[in-house]
Amino acid sequence: MGKNVEVERLTNEATSVVDECLFRLGDNVEKMGDFVEKLKTLKTEVEAEVPNHSSIETGDVIGEHYAISKPNEKTVNNPTKVGNKGNITEKERNKRRKSEKEKALRDKKKQKKKCGFCGETTNLHTKTTCPKNPNARRKPKPIVS
């Protein structure tokens, strides 16, 4: 276990060094190109010293460098499907959406009723929402033109 911890520390340090160099080079394309060429040279030297590493062949690169192993079986499952908020029925879900104009026309076709406070025949307010009633519990619906 001690070997893997040391490998992980060195891997993190190497990544940190490369990141720091790239950050310092910033927008200097010429120097960054030189840096990449030096990294490629270093890579070919490492490939010459260690021709075929076993973890590259088996695909266990992450486990080799970070001291973790791939689990034998899947332990995380997909989340369960939840119902929609508001208990929308299948019939309502399949209906098409209506435009505001369509909704206004539908409201306009409704039979008009007499307001119990002012006596006006309308669909816009009732006794409890009458704009002339000082004791109205609710505000009237806005007028859609």
Protein backbone atom coordinates (compact mmCIF):
# COMPACT_ATOMS: atom_id res chain seq x y z
CA MET A 1 0.00 0.00 0.00
CA GLY A 2 2.94 2.35 0.73
CA LYS A 3 4.16 2.08 -2.88
CA ASN A 4 0.81 3.19 -4.31
CA VAL A 5 0.68 6.22 -1.99
CA GLU A 6 4.16 7.27 -3.08
CA VAL A 7 3.26 6.76 -6.77
CA GLU A 8 0.11 8.83 -6.27
CA ARG A 9 2.11 11.64 -4.61
CA LEU A 10 4.67 11.71 -7.42
CA THR A 11 1.93 11.62 -10.08
CA ASN A 12 0.18 14.58 -8.46
CA GLU A 13 3.47 16.47 -8.20
CA ALA A 14 4.30 15.83 -11.89
CA THR A 15 0.84 17.01 -12.96
CA SER A 16 1.22 20.09 -10.79
CA VAL A 17 4.62 20.93 -12.33
CA VAL A 18 3.26 20.64 -15.90
CA ASP A 19 0.18 22.75 -15.02
CA GLU A 20 2.38 25.43 -13.43
CA CYS A 21 4.63 25.56 -16.52
CA LEU A 22 1.64 25.88 -18.86
CA PHE A 23 0.18 28.64 -16.68
CA ARG A 24 3.47 30.57 -16.67
CA LEU A 25 3.89 30.26 -20.44
CA GLY A 26 0.39 31.65 -20.92
CA ASP A 27 -0.07 33.19 -24.37
CA ASN A 28 3.56 32.83 -25.49
CA VAL A 29 2.98 30.38 -28.37
CA GLU A 30 6.64 30.02 -29.33
CA LYS A 31 7.84 29.06 -25.83
CA MET A 32 4.83 26.78 -25.30
CA GLY A 33 5.72 24.99 -28.55
CA ASP A 34 9.29 24.48 -27.29
CA PHE A 35 7.91 23.15 -23.99
CA VAL A 36 5.64 20.65 -25.78
CA GLU A 37 8.57 19.45 -27.91
CA LYS A 38 10.65 18.88 -24.74
CA LEU A 39 7.75 16.90 -23.23
CA LYS A 40 7.52 14.74 -26.37
CA THR A 41 11.28 14.08 -26.19
CA LEU A 42 10.95 13.12 -22.54
CA LYS A 43 8.04 10.81 -23.42
CA THR A 44 10.06 8.98 -26.09
CA GLU A 45 12.91 8.50 -23.58
CA VAL A 46 10.46 7.00 -21.05
CA GLU A 47 8.94 4.74 -23.73
CA ALA A 48 12.46 3.52 -24.61
CA GLU A 49 13.23 2.70 -20.95
CA VAL A 50 9.85 1.08 -20.17
CA PRO A 51 8.59 -0.37 -23.48
CA ASN A 52 5.27 -2.00 -22.43
CA HIS A 53 3.81 -1.22 -19.05
CA SER A 54 1.27 -3.81 -17.87
CA SER A 55 -1.35 -1.25 -16.82
CA ILE A 56 -1.46 0.22 -20.35
CA GLU A 57 -2.27 -3.21 -21.77
CA THR A 58 -4.93 -4.05 -19.17
CA GLY A 59 -6.48 -0.57 -19.15
CA ASP A 60 -6.02 -0.22 -15.39
CA VAL A 61 -4.13 3.09 -15.58
CA ILE A 62 -6.29 4.87 -12.99
CA GLY A 63 -5.98 2.05 -10.47
CA GLU A 64 -2.23 1.94 -10.97
CA HIS A 65 -1.67 5.66 -10.35
CA TYR A 66 -4.30 6.56 -7.78
CA ALA A 67 -4.29 3.56 -5.44
CA ILE A 68 -7.89 2.61 -6.23
CA SER A 69 -9.25 -0.47 -7.90
CA LYS A 70 -12.12 -0.97 -10.30
CA PRO A 71 -15.07 -2.59 -8.51
CA ASN A 72 -16.12 -6.08 -9.64
CA GLU A 73 -19.81 -5.25 -9.79
CA LYS A 74 -21.88 -2.13 -10.32
CA THR A 75 -22.91 -0.53 -7.01
CA VAL A 76 -24.61 2.63 -8.30
CA ASN A 77 -28.00 2.34 -10.02
CA ASN A 78 -30.07 4.83 -12.00
CA PRO A 79 -32.41 6.95 -9.88
CA THR A 80 -36.06 5.97 -9.71
CA LYS A 81 -38.53 8.00 -11.78
CA VAL A 82 -40.58 10.48 -9.77
CA GLY A 83 -44.08 11.67 -10.52
CA ASN A 84 -44.68 15.20 -11.71
CA LYS A 85 -45.46 17.88 -9.19
CA GLY A 86 -49.14 18.72 -9.23
CA ASN A 87 -50.40 15.23 -10.14
CA ILE A 88 -50.97 15.94 -13.81
CA THR A 89 -53.19 13.29 -15.35
CA GLU A 90 -52.40 11.54 -18.62
CA LYS A 91 -55.33 13.31 -20.29
CA GLU A 92 -54.05 16.77 -19.28
CA ARG A 93 -50.49 15.88 -20.32
CA ASN A 94 -51.61 15.01 -23.88
CA LYS A 95 -53.61 18.19 -24.40
CA ARG A 96 -52.09 20.87 -26.56
CA ARG A 97 -51.18 24.21 -25.03
CA LYS A 98 -53.61 27.00 -25.75
CA SER A 99 -52.55 30.55 -26.56
CA GLU A 100 -53.64 33.51 -24.47
CA LYS A 101 -55.87 34.64 -27.32
CA GLU A 102 -57.65 31.27 -27.34
CA LYS A 103 -58.13 31.42 -23.59
CA ALA A 104 -59.56 34.95 -23.81
CA LEU A 105 -61.99 33.90 -26.54
CA ARG A 106 -63.15 30.96 -24.42
CA ASP A 107 -63.74 33.28 -21.44
CA LYS A 108 -65.60 35.73 -23.67
CA LYS A 109 -68.02 32.98 -24.82
CA LYS A 110 -68.99 32.11 -21.22
CA GLN A 111 -72.46 33.14 -20.09
CA LYS A 112 -72.30 36.47 -18.26
CA LYS A 113 -73.62 36.59 -14.70
CA LYS A 114 -74.98 39.46 -12.64
CA CYS A 115 -72.71 40.90 -9.93
CA GLY A 116 -74.43 40.70 -6.52
CA PHE A 117 -73.02 44.06 -5.39
CA CYS A 118 -73.24 46.48 -8.33
CA GLY A 119 -75.76 44.59 -10.51
CA GLU A 120 -73.55 44.71 -13.62
CA THR A 121 -73.77 41.69 -15.98
CA THR A 122 -70.17 40.56 -16.53
CA ASN A 123 -67.68 37.69 -16.34
CA LEU A 124 -64.92 39.90 -14.94
CA HIS A 125 -66.02 40.10 -11.32
CA THR A 126 -68.45 38.86 -8.70
CA LYS A 127 -69.72 40.27 -5.41
CA THR A 128 -66.52 39.23 -3.60
CA THR A 129 -64.24 40.71 -6.28
CA CYS A 130 -66.30 43.75 -7.31
CA PRO A 131 -64.10 46.86 -7.72
CA LYS A 132 -66.91 49.01 -6.31
CA ASN A 133 -67.22 46.89 -3.14
CA PRO A 134 -65.07 48.39 -0.34
CA ASN A 135 -65.23 45.10 1.59
CA ALA A 136 -64.13 42.92 -1.38
CA ARG A 137 -62.05 39.95 -0.25
CA ARG A 138 -60.15 39.53 -3.56
CA LYS A 139 -59.07 41.75 -6.39
CA PRO A 140 -60.90 41.35 -9.71
CA LYS A 141 -59.29 39.56 -12.65
CA PRO A 142 -57.33 41.84 -14.99
CA ILE A 143 -59.19 42.73 -18.19
CA VAL A 144 -57.71 40.99 -21.25
CA SER A 145 -58.11 42.97 -24.45
